[in-house]
Amino acid sequence: MAVARPTCVRPYAGSAHSYLRTVKFAEITHLVRLEVALDLRQRATWAGMLLYVVSAVYVCFLAVKSGLGTATWNALFWIILLFAAFNALARSFQREDGGRQLYLYTLVDPRSVILARAFYNAVTMVVLSLLSLAVYLLLLGSSNLDNADMGQFLFAVVLGGIGFASVLTLISAIAARAGNGIGLMAILGFPLVLPLLLLVMRASKLALDGVAWSVISTYFGGIVLLDLITITLAWILFPYLWRD
C-alpha cells in the first residue's frame, strides 16, 4: 500500500520551472553521494567485480594462447564485459530493505532516484569497462589493435558501458520490485540488452578495422538512441514501480 508523501513548504525564489530544476539536480546529487558512500562501505563489491574480470580474462588466455582473430577477440571482450555488467548492476536495487525504500519515498522524487542510479551505474560501468580492457590487453595482447582507430574503439567501449548501465538499471528496478531480483533480471535482461550488444560489437569491430567515422557514426548514433529510449522509459515507468 502506498504511503502518502508529505508535503512541505520551501522558500520560493525565481520561477517555478527553475526552482523545480534546482530541486531535481540537488536530489540527484545527494542520491549519487549516497551511492558513493554505500559503495565505500562495501569495498569488497568492487574487489569481487575486478576478480571476476581478471579470472574470466585469464581463463580465456589459457584457452587461446595461440592467438585470436580480430572478430573473435572483439566478441570475447564484449561477452566478458556483458557478464561483468550483470554482476555489477544486479545489486542496484537489491541492497535496500523496505524501510530504506520507504524513507527515500518520503524524501525525494522517484525520478531523481532512477536518474541518480542510472548516472552512478553509468560511471561505474565506464570505469569497469576501461579496467576490463586494460586487463584484456595485458593478458591477451594488443596485436589486434595494430590497424585500429583507438579513439573510435575507446568511444565504443565507453558507449557500450553506458548502454549496459542504462538498460540493466531499469531491469534491476523491475526485478527488485517483483521480488526475484537476480533470476528475473537475467531472464529480462538478456533479450533487452541483445540489440545494444550487437550494435556495440559491430561498432567496435569497425573501429578495430580502422573504418572511417562516416561509416561507424551510424552505429554510434544507434547506441545513443537506444540509451535515450531506455532512460526515457525509466523516467516514465519508475514512479509507478516506486509507488507499488
Protein backbone atom coordinates (compact mmCIF):
# COMPACT_ATOMS: atom_id res chain seq x y z
CA MET A 1 0.00 0.00 0.00
CA ALA A 2 1.43 3.36 -0.99
CA VAL A 3 2.18 5.86 1.74
CA ALA A 4 1.24 9.45 1.09
CA ARG A 5 4.29 11.58 0.58
CA PRO A 6 4.48 14.51 2.98
CA THR A 7 4.40 17.97 1.53
CA CYS A 8 6.46 20.80 2.85
CA VAL A 9 6.65 24.49 2.11
CA ARG A 10 10.05 25.75 1.00
CA PRO A 11 11.12 29.34 0.36
CA TYR A 12 10.30 30.34 -3.19
CA ALA A 13 12.90 32.03 -5.33
CA GLY A 14 12.75 32.59 -9.07
CA SER A 15 10.37 30.93 -11.49
CA ALA A 16 8.66 27.64 -10.69
CA HIS A 17 10.42 25.93 -13.58
CA SER A 18 13.91 26.96 -12.46
CA TYR A 19 13.03 26.10 -8.86
CA LEU A 20 11.95 22.58 -9.74
CA ARG A 21 15.03 22.05 -11.86
CA THR A 22 17.25 23.15 -8.95
CA VAL A 23 15.48 20.77 -6.58
CA LYS A 24 15.83 17.86 -9.02
CA PHE A 25 19.54 18.38 -9.51
CA ALA A 26 20.03 18.76 -5.77
CA GLU A 27 18.21 15.50 -5.11
CA ILE A 28 20.17 13.66 -7.78
CA THR A 29 23.46 14.98 -6.40
CA HIS A 30 22.63 13.85 -2.87
CA LEU A 31 21.49 10.42 -4.08
CA VAL A 32 24.71 9.94 -6.06
CA ARG A 33 26.68 10.84 -2.95
CA LEU A 34 24.64 8.26 -1.05
CA GLU A 35 25.55 5.60 -3.62
CA VAL A 36 29.23 6.50 -3.30
CA ALA A 37 29.05 6.27 0.49
CA LEU A 38 27.37 2.87 0.33
CA ASP A 39 30.00 1.55 -2.05
CA LEU A 40 32.80 2.85 0.14
CA ARG A 41 31.33 0.82 2.99
CA GLN A 42 31.24 -2.28 0.76
CA ARG A 43 34.63 -2.17 -0.92
CA ALA A 44 34.60 -5.94 -1.29
CA THR A 45 31.97 -5.48 -4.01
CA TRP A 46 34.45 -3.70 -6.29
CA ALA A 47 37.09 -6.28 -5.46
CA GLY A 48 34.64 -9.03 -6.45
CA MET A 49 33.87 -7.36 -9.79
CA LEU A 50 37.56 -6.95 -10.61
CA LEU A 51 38.27 -10.53 -9.55
CA TYR A 52 35.58 -11.76 -11.91
CA VAL A 53 37.03 -9.81 -14.84
CA VAL A 54 40.60 -10.93 -14.17
CA SER A 55 39.52 -14.55 -13.72
CA ALA A 56 37.45 -14.59 -16.91
CA VAL A 57 40.19 -12.99 -18.99
CA TYR A 58 42.82 -15.34 -17.55
CA VAL A 59 40.74 -18.40 -18.40
CA CYS A 60 40.40 -17.09 -21.96
CA PHE A 61 44.17 -16.54 -22.05
CA LEU A 62 44.80 -20.15 -21.03
CA ALA A 63 42.34 -21.40 -23.66
CA VAL A 64 43.61 -19.37 -26.63
CA LYS A 65 47.34 -18.96 -26.16
CA SER A 66 47.85 -19.34 -29.90
CA GLY A 67 46.10 -16.02 -30.58
CA LEU A 68 42.71 -14.82 -31.77
CA GLY A 69 41.37 -13.25 -34.92
CA THR A 70 40.09 -9.70 -34.66
CA ALA A 71 36.41 -10.64 -34.79
CA THR A 72 36.79 -13.35 -32.13
CA TRP A 73 38.97 -11.09 -29.96
CA ASN A 74 36.31 -8.37 -30.11
CA ALA A 75 33.37 -10.70 -29.44
CA LEU A 76 35.09 -12.33 -26.48
CA PHE A 77 35.79 -8.95 -24.90
CA TRP A 78 32.15 -7.90 -25.10
CA ILE A 79 30.89 -11.22 -23.74
CA ILE A 80 33.15 -10.85 -20.70
CA LEU A 81 32.04 -7.25 -20.23
CA LEU A 82 28.36 -8.17 -20.55
CA PHE A 83 28.54 -10.71 -17.73
CA ALA A 84 30.60 -8.27 -15.66
CA ALA A 85 27.80 -5.71 -16.14
CA PHE A 86 25.18 -8.17 -14.90
CA ASN A 87 27.28 -8.93 -11.82
CA ALA A 88 27.94 -5.26 -11.13
CA LEU A 89 24.45 -3.86 -11.70
CA ALA A 90 22.30 -6.62 -10.25
CA ARG A 91 22.82 -5.02 -6.83
CA SER A 92 21.41 -1.61 -7.82
CA PHE A 93 18.07 -2.12 -6.10
CA GLN A 94 18.86 -5.29 -4.16
CA ARG A 95 20.68 -3.77 -1.19
CA GLU A 96 17.71 -1.75 0.01
CA ASP A 97 15.22 -3.11 2.51
CA GLY A 98 11.65 -1.93 2.74
CA GLY A 99 12.47 0.60 5.44
CA ARG A 100 15.09 2.42 3.36
CA GLN A 101 12.81 2.45 0.32
CA LEU A 102 10.02 3.98 2.39
CA TYR A 103 12.43 6.55 3.81
CA LEU A 104 13.58 7.61 0.34
CA TYR A 105 9.96 7.66 -0.85
CA THR A 106 9.10 10.30 1.74
CA LEU A 107 12.08 12.49 0.85
CA VAL A 108 12.76 12.53 -2.89
CA ASP A 109 11.05 12.27 -6.23
CA PRO A 110 11.21 8.75 -7.72
CA ARG A 111 12.54 10.16 -11.00
CA SER A 112 15.50 11.56 -9.10
CA VAL A 113 16.17 8.08 -7.71
CA ILE A 114 16.24 6.35 -11.11
CA LEU A 115 18.31 9.11 -12.72
CA ALA A 116 20.83 9.06 -9.87
CA ARG A 117 21.12 5.28 -10.04
CA ALA A 118 21.47 5.33 -13.82
CA PHE A 119 24.15 8.03 -13.66
CA TYR A 120 26.12 6.27 -10.93
CA ASN A 121 25.85 2.92 -12.69
CA ALA A 122 26.98 4.52 -15.95
CA VAL A 123 30.11 5.90 -14.24
CA THR A 124 30.69 2.50 -12.63
CA MET A 125 30.41 0.71 -15.97
CA VAL A 126 32.71 3.16 -17.75
CA VAL A 127 35.40 2.58 -15.11
CA LEU A 128 34.83 -1.18 -15.14
CA SER A 129 34.89 -1.27 -18.96
CA LEU A 130 38.22 0.57 -19.17
CA LEU A 131 39.75 -1.59 -16.42
CA SER A 132 38.49 -4.72 -18.19
CA LEU A 133 40.04 -3.52 -21.45
CA ALA A 134 43.37 -2.89 -19.70
CA VAL A 135 43.41 -6.41 -18.22
CA TYR A 136 42.26 -7.86 -21.54
CA LEU A 137 45.09 -6.18 -23.44
CA LEU A 138 47.62 -7.15 -20.78
CA LEU A 139 46.82 -10.87 -20.93
CA LEU A 140 45.62 -11.42 -24.49
CA GLY A 141 47.88 -8.92 -26.20
CA SER A 142 47.28 -5.83 -28.30
CA SER A 143 48.21 -7.16 -31.74
CA ASN A 144 44.57 -6.80 -32.84
CA LEU A 145 44.84 -3.05 -32.32
CA ASP A 146 47.55 -2.55 -34.95
CA ASN A 147 45.12 -1.25 -37.59
CA ALA A 148 42.54 0.14 -35.16
CA ASP A 149 41.35 3.69 -34.69
CA MET A 150 41.88 3.82 -30.92
CA GLY A 151 39.74 6.91 -30.43
CA GLN A 152 36.72 5.26 -32.03
CA PHE A 153 37.36 1.96 -30.25
CA LEU A 154 37.56 3.60 -26.82
CA PHE A 155 34.44 5.61 -27.65
CA ALA A 156 32.63 2.36 -28.48
CA VAL A 157 33.77 0.84 -25.17
CA VAL A 158 32.55 3.87 -23.21
CA LEU A 159 29.20 3.99 -25.06
CA GLY A 160 28.77 0.25 -24.56
CA GLY A 161 29.36 0.55 -20.82
CA ILE A 162 26.86 3.42 -20.55
CA GLY A 163 24.34 1.45 -22.61
CA PHE A 164 24.64 -1.62 -20.39
CA ALA A 165 24.16 0.61 -17.34
CA SER A 166 21.02 2.30 -18.68
CA VAL A 167 19.32 -0.93 -19.73
CA LEU A 168 20.27 -3.01 -16.70
CA THR A 169 19.40 -0.27 -14.19
CA LEU A 170 15.79 -0.31 -15.39
CA ILE A 171 15.72 -4.12 -15.45
CA SER A 172 17.18 -4.25 -11.96
CA ALA A 173 14.43 -1.95 -10.68
CA ILE A 174 11.69 -4.07 -12.26
CA ALA A 175 13.22 -7.30 -10.95
CA ALA A 176 13.66 -5.94 -7.43
CA ARG A 177 10.05 -4.79 -7.20
CA ALA A 178 8.90 -8.19 -8.45
CA GLY A 179 10.71 -9.81 -5.54
CA ASN A 180 13.00 -12.11 -7.53
CA GLY A 181 15.93 -9.87 -8.36
CA ILE A 182 18.80 -11.87 -9.77
CA GLY A 183 16.81 -14.59 -11.55
CA LEU A 184 14.28 -12.25 -13.12
CA MET A 185 16.98 -9.78 -14.10
CA ALA A 186 18.78 -12.48 -16.08
CA ILE A 187 15.54 -13.53 -17.81
CA LEU A 188 14.50 -9.99 -18.75
CA GLY A 189 17.95 -8.54 -19.26
CA PHE A 190 19.42 -10.72 -22.00
CA PRO A 191 16.66 -10.18 -24.60
CA LEU A 192 16.60 -6.43 -23.98
CA VAL A 193 20.35 -5.95 -23.97
CA LEU A 194 20.88 -8.06 -27.10
CA PRO A 195 20.22 -5.25 -29.66
CA LEU A 196 22.63 -2.99 -27.80
CA LEU A 197 25.23 -5.76 -27.66
CA LEU A 198 25.01 -6.34 -31.40
CA LEU A 199 25.42 -2.63 -32.12
CA VAL A 200 28.46 -2.14 -29.88
CA MET A 201 30.11 -5.30 -31.19
CA ARG A 202 29.65 -4.10 -34.75
CA ALA A 203 30.85 -0.58 -33.96
CA SER A 204 33.94 -1.78 -32.10
CA LYS A 205 34.77 -4.27 -34.88
CA LEU A 206 34.67 -1.47 -37.46
CA ALA A 207 36.87 0.65 -35.18
CA LEU A 208 39.37 -2.22 -34.93
CA ASP A 209 39.42 -2.41 -38.73
CA GLY A 210 40.11 1.33 -38.96
CA VAL A 211 36.90 2.16 -40.82
CA ALA A 212 36.15 5.85 -41.41
CA TRP A 213 33.99 7.82 -38.99
CA SER A 214 31.35 8.45 -41.67
CA VAL A 215 30.55 4.71 -41.64
CA ILE A 216 30.85 3.92 -37.96
CA SER A 217 28.94 7.01 -36.79
CA THR A 218 25.67 5.33 -37.81
CA TYR A 219 26.24 2.62 -35.21
CA PHE A 220 27.24 5.14 -32.58
CA GLY A 221 24.03 7.01 -33.29
CA GLY A 222 22.03 3.81 -32.83
CA ILE A 223 23.69 3.14 -29.48
CA VAL A 224 22.97 6.68 -28.26
CA LEU A 225 19.36 6.38 -29.43
CA LEU A 226 18.88 3.12 -27.51
CA ASP A 227 20.35 4.75 -24.40
CA LEU A 228 17.98 7.72 -24.69
CA ILE A 229 14.96 5.46 -25.23
CA THR A 230 15.87 3.40 -22.16
CA ILE A 231 16.36 6.45 -19.94
CA THR A 232 13.07 7.91 -21.16
CA LEU A 233 11.23 4.66 -20.36
CA ALA A 234 12.83 4.58 -16.92
CA TRP A 235 11.78 8.21 -16.36
CA ILE A 236 8.17 7.36 -17.26
CA LEU A 237 7.78 3.93 -15.66
CA PHE A 238 9.82 4.09 -12.48
CA PRO A 239 7.38 6.29 -10.49
CA TYR A 240 4.74 3.56 -10.92
CA LEU A 241 7.19 0.87 -9.76
CA TRP A 242 8.26 3.02 -6.85
CA ARG A 243 4.65 3.63 -5.77
CA ASP A 244 3.79 -0.09 -5.75
